[in-house]
Amino acid sequence: MFGFGMPEMIIILVIVMVVFGAGRLPEIGGAVGKSIRNFKKASEGKDEIEIKPKES
């Protein structure tokens, strides 16, 4: 995937953990997943995009 090997992926993960902290990683992963899902829906031509307010 994009020419990234395991050592590069580990270095990126360590940098992300230092910047955001280990507690926020699930939040970031969820946001990235939703973004990718919405991008795929938009590129397929579907007009519906799910937008929900953040629950506290």
PDB file of N, CA and C in Angstrom:
ATOM      1  N   MET A   1       0.843  -1.174   0.000  1.00  0.00           N
ATOM      2  CA  MET A   1       0.000   0.000   0.000  1.00  0.00           C
ATOM      3  C   MET A   1       0.890   1.241   0.000  1.00  0.00           C
ATOM      4  N   PHE A   2       0.927   1.945  -1.091  1.00  0.00           N
ATOM      5  CA  PHE A   2       1.703   3.167  -1.258  1.00  0.00           C
ATOM      6  C   PHE A   2       3.189   2.965  -0.997  1.00  0.00           C
ATOM      7  N   GLY A   3       3.677   1.748  -1.073  1.00  0.00           N
ATOM      8  CA  GLY A   3       5.090   1.486  -0.862  1.00  0.00           C
ATOM      9  C   GLY A   3       5.525   1.547   0.590  1.00  0.00           C
ATOM     10  N   PHE A   4       4.569   1.551   1.527  1.00  0.00           N
ATOM     11  CA  PHE A   4       4.912   1.569   2.944  1.00  0.00           C
ATOM     12  C   PHE A   4       5.109   0.139   3.425  1.00  0.00           C
ATOM     13  N   GLY A   5       6.243  -0.098   4.084  1.00  0.00           N
ATOM     14  CA  GLY A   5       6.484  -1.384   4.699  1.00  0.00           C
ATOM     15  C   GLY A   5       6.148  -1.329   6.180  1.00  0.00           C
ATOM     16  N   MET A   6       6.382  -2.423   6.865  1.00  0.00           N
ATOM     17  CA  MET A   6       6.077  -2.486   8.295  1.00  0.00           C
ATOM     18  C   MET A   6       6.890  -1.475   9.109  1.00  0.00           C
ATOM     19  N   PRO A   7       8.195  -1.289   8.858  1.00  0.00           N
ATOM     20  CA  PRO A   7       8.948  -0.305   9.656  1.00  0.00           C
ATOM     21  C   PRO A   7       8.402   1.125   9.503  1.00  0.00           C
ATOM     22  N   GLU A   8       8.020   1.497   8.279  1.00  0.00           N
ATOM     23  CA  GLU A   8       7.476   2.840   8.064  1.00  0.00           C
ATOM     24  C   GLU A   8       6.149   3.015   8.786  1.00  0.00           C
ATOM     25  N   MET A   9       5.302   1.974   8.755  1.00  0.00           N
ATOM     26  CA  MET A   9       4.001   2.053   9.423  1.00  0.00           C
ATOM     27  C   MET A   9       4.177   2.183  10.937  1.00  0.00           C
ATOM     28  N   ILE A  10       5.155   1.475  11.494  1.00  0.00           N
ATOM     29  CA  ILE A  10       5.410   1.565  12.940  1.00  0.00           C
ATOM     30  C   ILE A  10       5.884   2.965  13.311  1.00  0.00           C
ATOM     31  N   ILE A  11       6.756   3.545  12.496  1.00  0.00           N
ATOM     32  CA  ILE A  11       7.247   4.902  12.763  1.00  0.00           C
ATOM     33  C   ILE A  11       6.096   5.900  12.706  1.00  0.00           C
ATOM     34  N   ILE A  12       5.212   5.775  11.718  1.00  0.00           N
ATOM     35  CA  ILE A  12       4.053   6.665  11.611  1.00  0.00           C
ATOM     36  C   ILE A  12       3.149   6.507  12.828  1.00  0.00           C
ATOM     37  N   LEU A  13       2.907   5.276  13.261  1.00  0.00           N
ATOM     38  CA  LEU A  13       2.060   5.031  14.434  1.00  0.00           C
ATOM     39  C   LEU A  13       2.664   5.657  15.685  1.00  0.00           C
ATOM     40  N   VAL A  14       3.975   5.547  15.861  1.00  0.00           N
ATOM     41  CA  VAL A  14       4.640   6.139  17.026  1.00  0.00           C
ATOM     42  C   VAL A  14       4.509   7.663  16.992  1.00  0.00           C
ATOM     43  N   ILE A  15       4.686   8.260  15.831  1.00  0.00           N
ATOM     44  CA  ILE A  15       4.547   9.717  15.712  1.00  0.00           C
ATOM     45  C   ILE A  15       3.128  10.156  16.043  1.00  0.00           C
ATOM     46  N   VAL A  16       2.127   9.428  15.542  1.00  0.00           N
ATOM     47  CA  VAL A  16       0.724   9.753  15.827  1.00  0.00           C
ATOM     48  C   VAL A  16       0.445   9.623  17.317  1.00  0.00           C
ATOM     49  N   MET A  17       0.982   8.583  17.959  1.00  0.00           N
ATOM     50  CA  MET A  17       0.766   8.399  19.391  1.00  0.00           C
ATOM     51  C   MET A  17       1.401   9.530  20.201  1.00  0.00           C
ATOM     52  N   VAL A  18       2.559  10.007  19.773  1.00  0.00           N
ATOM     53  CA  VAL A  18       3.217  11.102  20.486  1.00  0.00           C
ATOM     54  C   VAL A  18       2.416  12.395  20.322  1.00  0.00           C
ATOM     55  N   VAL A  19       1.912  12.636  19.127  1.00  0.00           N
ATOM     56  CA  VAL A  19       1.198  13.887  18.862  1.00  0.00           C
ATOM     57  C   VAL A  19      -0.171  13.896  19.535  1.00  0.00           C
ATOM     58  N   PHE A  20      -0.937  12.816  19.387  1.00  0.00           N
ATOM     59  CA  PHE A  20      -2.316  12.803  19.865  1.00  0.00           C
ATOM     60  C   PHE A  20      -2.510  12.085  21.194  1.00  0.00           C
ATOM     61  N   GLY A  21      -1.620  11.221  21.570  1.00  0.00           N
ATOM     62  CA  GLY A  21      -1.780  10.443  22.797  1.00  0.00           C
ATOM     63  C   GLY A  21      -2.527   9.152  22.519  1.00  0.00           C
ATOM     64  N   ALA A  22      -2.273   8.146  23.345  1.00  0.00           N
ATOM     65  CA  ALA A  22      -2.856   6.823  23.116  1.00  0.00           C
ATOM     66  C   ALA A  22      -4.361   6.814  23.363  1.00  0.00           C
ATOM     67  N   GLY A  23      -4.863   7.677  24.223  1.00  0.00           N
ATOM     68  CA  GLY A  23      -6.286   7.690  24.541  1.00  0.00           C
ATOM     69  C   GLY A  23      -7.170   8.168  23.408  1.00  0.00           C
ATOM     70  N   ARG A  24      -6.630   8.980  22.511  1.00  0.00           N
ATOM     71  CA  ARG A  24      -7.430   9.539  21.425  1.00  0.00           C
ATOM     72  C   ARG A  24      -7.347   8.727  20.144  1.00  0.00           C
ATOM     73  N   LEU A  25      -6.512   7.697  20.096  1.00  0.00           N
ATOM     74  CA  LEU A  25      -6.366   6.913  18.876  1.00  0.00           C
ATOM     75  C   LEU A  25      -7.679   6.288  18.402  1.00  0.00           C
ATOM     76  N   PRO A  26      -8.515   5.703  19.276  1.00  0.00           N
ATOM     77  CA  PRO A  26      -9.788   5.154  18.781  1.00  0.00           C
ATOM     78  C   PRO A  26     -10.695   6.222  18.160  1.00  0.00           C
ATOM     79  N   GLU A  27     -10.709   7.411  18.730  1.00  0.00           N
ATOM     80  CA  GLU A  27     -11.492   8.516  18.167  1.00  0.00           C
ATOM     81  C   GLU A  27     -10.999   8.870  16.773  1.00  0.00           C
ATOM     82  N   ILE A  28      -9.705   8.974  16.634  1.00  0.00           N
ATOM     83  CA  ILE A  28      -9.115   9.340  15.351  1.00  0.00           C
ATOM     84  C   ILE A  28      -9.384   8.251  14.318  1.00  0.00           C
ATOM     85  N   GLY A  29      -9.239   6.991  14.729  1.00  0.00           N
ATOM     86  CA  GLY A  29      -9.517   5.880  13.822  1.00  0.00           C
ATOM     87  C   GLY A  29     -10.964   5.868  13.357  1.00  0.00           C
ATOM     88  N   GLY A  30     -11.878   6.122  14.277  1.00  0.00           N
ATOM     89  CA  GLY A  30     -13.292   6.166  13.922  1.00  0.00           C
ATOM     90  C   GLY A  30     -13.599   7.300  12.955  1.00  0.00           C
ATOM     91  N   ALA A  31     -12.998   8.452  13.189  1.00  0.00           N
ATOM     92  CA  ALA A  31     -13.221   9.600  12.307  1.00  0.00           C
ATOM     93  C   ALA A  31     -12.663   9.341  10.909  1.00  0.00           C
ATOM     94  N   VAL A  32     -11.501   8.727  10.844  1.00  0.00           N
ATOM     95  CA  VAL A  32     -10.910   8.408   9.540  1.00  0.00           C
ATOM     96  C   VAL A  32     -11.780   7.389   8.805  1.00  0.00           C
ATOM     97  N   GLY A  33     -12.268   6.388   9.527  1.00  0.00           N
ATOM     98  CA  GLY A  33     -13.142   5.385   8.913  1.00  0.00           C
ATOM     99  C   GLY A  33     -14.422   5.986   8.362  1.00  0.00           C
ATOM    100  N   LYS A  34     -15.048   6.881   9.132  1.00  0.00           N
ATOM    101  CA  LYS A  34     -16.270   7.546   8.662  1.00  0.00           C
ATOM    102  C   LYS A  34     -15.980   8.417   7.445  1.00  0.00           C
ATOM    103  N   SER A  35     -14.838   9.095   7.455  1.00  0.00           N
ATOM    104  CA  SER A  35     -14.474   9.940   6.322  1.00  0.00           C
ATOM    105  C   SER A  35     -14.287   9.116   5.054  1.00  0.00           C
ATOM    106  N   ILE A  36     -13.606   7.996   5.182  1.00  0.00           N
ATOM    107  CA  ILE A  36     -13.386   7.128   4.023  1.00  0.00           C
ATOM    108  C   ILE A  36     -14.715   6.580   3.518  1.00  0.00           C
ATOM    109  N   ARG A  37     -15.580   6.156   4.449  1.00  0.00           N
ATOM    110  CA  ARG A  37     -16.887   5.622   4.066  1.00  0.00           C
ATOM    111  C   ARG A  37     -17.710   6.677   3.322  1.00  0.00           C
ATOM    112  N   ASN A  38     -17.736   7.905   3.846  1.00  0.00           N
ATOM    113  CA  ASN A  38     -18.481   8.977   3.189  1.00  0.00           C
ATOM    114  C   ASN A  38     -17.885   9.328   1.830  1.00  0.00           C
ATOM    115  N   PHE A  39     -16.569   9.293   1.722  1.00  0.00           N
ATOM    116  CA  PHE A  39     -15.920   9.569   0.441  1.00  0.00           C
ATOM    117  C   PHE A  39     -16.296   8.510  -0.589  1.00  0.00           C
ATOM    118  N   LYS A  40     -16.316   7.236  -0.178  1.00  0.00           N
ATOM    119  CA  LYS A  40     -16.699   6.162  -1.096  1.00  0.00           C
ATOM    120  C   LYS A  40     -18.144   6.321  -1.552  1.00  0.00           C
ATOM    121  N   LYS A  41     -19.040   6.656  -0.608  1.00  0.00           N
ATOM    122  CA  LYS A  41     -20.441   6.870  -0.970  1.00  0.00           C
ATOM    123  C   LYS A  41     -20.575   8.015  -1.963  1.00  0.00           C
ATOM    124  N   ALA A  42     -19.840   9.097  -1.722  1.00  0.00           N
ATOM    125  CA  ALA A  42     -19.919  10.255  -2.607  1.00  0.00           C
ATOM    126  C   ALA A  42     -19.360   9.944  -3.985  1.00  0.00           C
ATOM    127  N   SER A  43     -18.305   9.167  -4.040  1.00  0.00           N
ATOM    128  CA  SER A  43     -17.702   8.855  -5.332  1.00  0.00           C
ATOM    129  C   SER A  43     -18.533   7.845  -6.122  1.00  0.00           C
ATOM    130  N   GLU A  44     -19.388   7.072  -5.452  1.00  0.00           N
ATOM    131  CA  GLU A  44     -20.266   6.129  -6.137  1.00  0.00           C
ATOM    132  C   GLU A  44     -21.498   6.824  -6.711  1.00  0.00           C
ATOM    133  N   GLY A  45     -21.715   8.065  -6.351  1.00  0.00           N
ATOM    134  CA  GLY A  45     -22.838   8.808  -6.879  1.00  0.00           C
ATOM    135  C   GLY A  45     -24.057   8.801  -5.989  1.00  0.00           C
ATOM    136  N   LYS A  46     -23.975   8.224  -4.817  1.00  0.00           N
ATOM    137  CA  LYS A  46     -25.098   8.253  -3.894  1.00  0.00           C
ATOM    138  C   LYS A  46     -25.216   9.655  -3.311  1.00  0.00           C
ATOM    139  N   ASP A  47     -26.435  10.159  -3.252  1.00  0.00           N
ATOM    140  CA  ASP A  47     -26.638  11.524  -2.775  1.00  0.00           C
ATOM    141  C   ASP A  47     -26.740  11.616  -1.265  1.00  0.00           C
ATOM    142  N   GLU A  48     -26.945  10.502  -0.588  1.00  0.00           N
ATOM    143  CA  GLU A  48     -27.147  10.511   0.856  1.00  0.00           C
ATOM    144  C   GLU A  48     -25.823  10.417   1.592  1.00  0.00           C
ATOM    145  N   ILE A  49     -25.564  11.360   2.465  1.00  0.00           N
ATOM    146  CA  ILE A  49     -24.382  11.322   3.331  1.00  0.00           C
ATOM    147  C   ILE A  49     -24.890  11.430   4.761  1.00  0.00           C
ATOM    148  N   GLU A  50     -24.459  10.502   5.585  1.00  0.00           N
ATOM    149  CA  GLU A  50     -24.920  10.461   6.978  1.00  0.00           C
ATOM    150  C   GLU A  50     -24.183  11.501   7.807  1.00  0.00           C
ATOM    151  N   ILE A  51     -24.935  12.415   8.374  1.00  0.00           N
ATOM    152  CA  ILE A  51     -24.359  13.436   9.254  1.00  0.00           C
ATOM    153  C   ILE A  51     -25.136  13.404  10.556  1.00  0.00           C
ATOM    154  N   LYS A  52     -24.445  13.084  11.639  1.00  0.00           N
ATOM    155  CA  LYS A  52     -25.065  13.019  12.947  1.00  0.00           C
ATOM    156  C   LYS A  52     -24.325  13.954  13.894  1.00  0.00           C
ATOM    157  N   PRO A  53     -25.038  14.644  14.768  1.00  0.00           N
ATOM    158  CA  PRO A  53     -24.341  15.473  15.753  1.00  0.00           C
ATOM    159  C   PRO A  53     -23.603  14.600  16.756  1.00  0.00           C
ATOM    160  N   LYS A  54     -22.504  15.126  17.259  1.00  0.00           N
ATOM    161  CA  LYS A  54     -21.693  14.377  18.227  1.00  0.00           C
ATOM    162  C   LYS A  54     -22.463  14.237  19.525  1.00  0.00           C
ATOM    163  N   GLU A  55     -22.563  13.003  19.998  1.00  0.00           N
ATOM    164  CA  GLU A  55     -23.261  12.746  21.251  1.00  0.00           C
ATOM    165  C   GLU A  55     -22.308  12.941  22.429  1.00  0.00           C
ATOM    166  N   SER A  56     -22.769  13.632  23.434  1.00  0.00           N
ATOM    167  CA  SER A  56     -21.907  13.902  24.590  1.00  0.00           C
ATOM    168  C   SER A  56     -22.139  12.886  25.670  1.00  0.00           C
TER     169      SER A  56
END
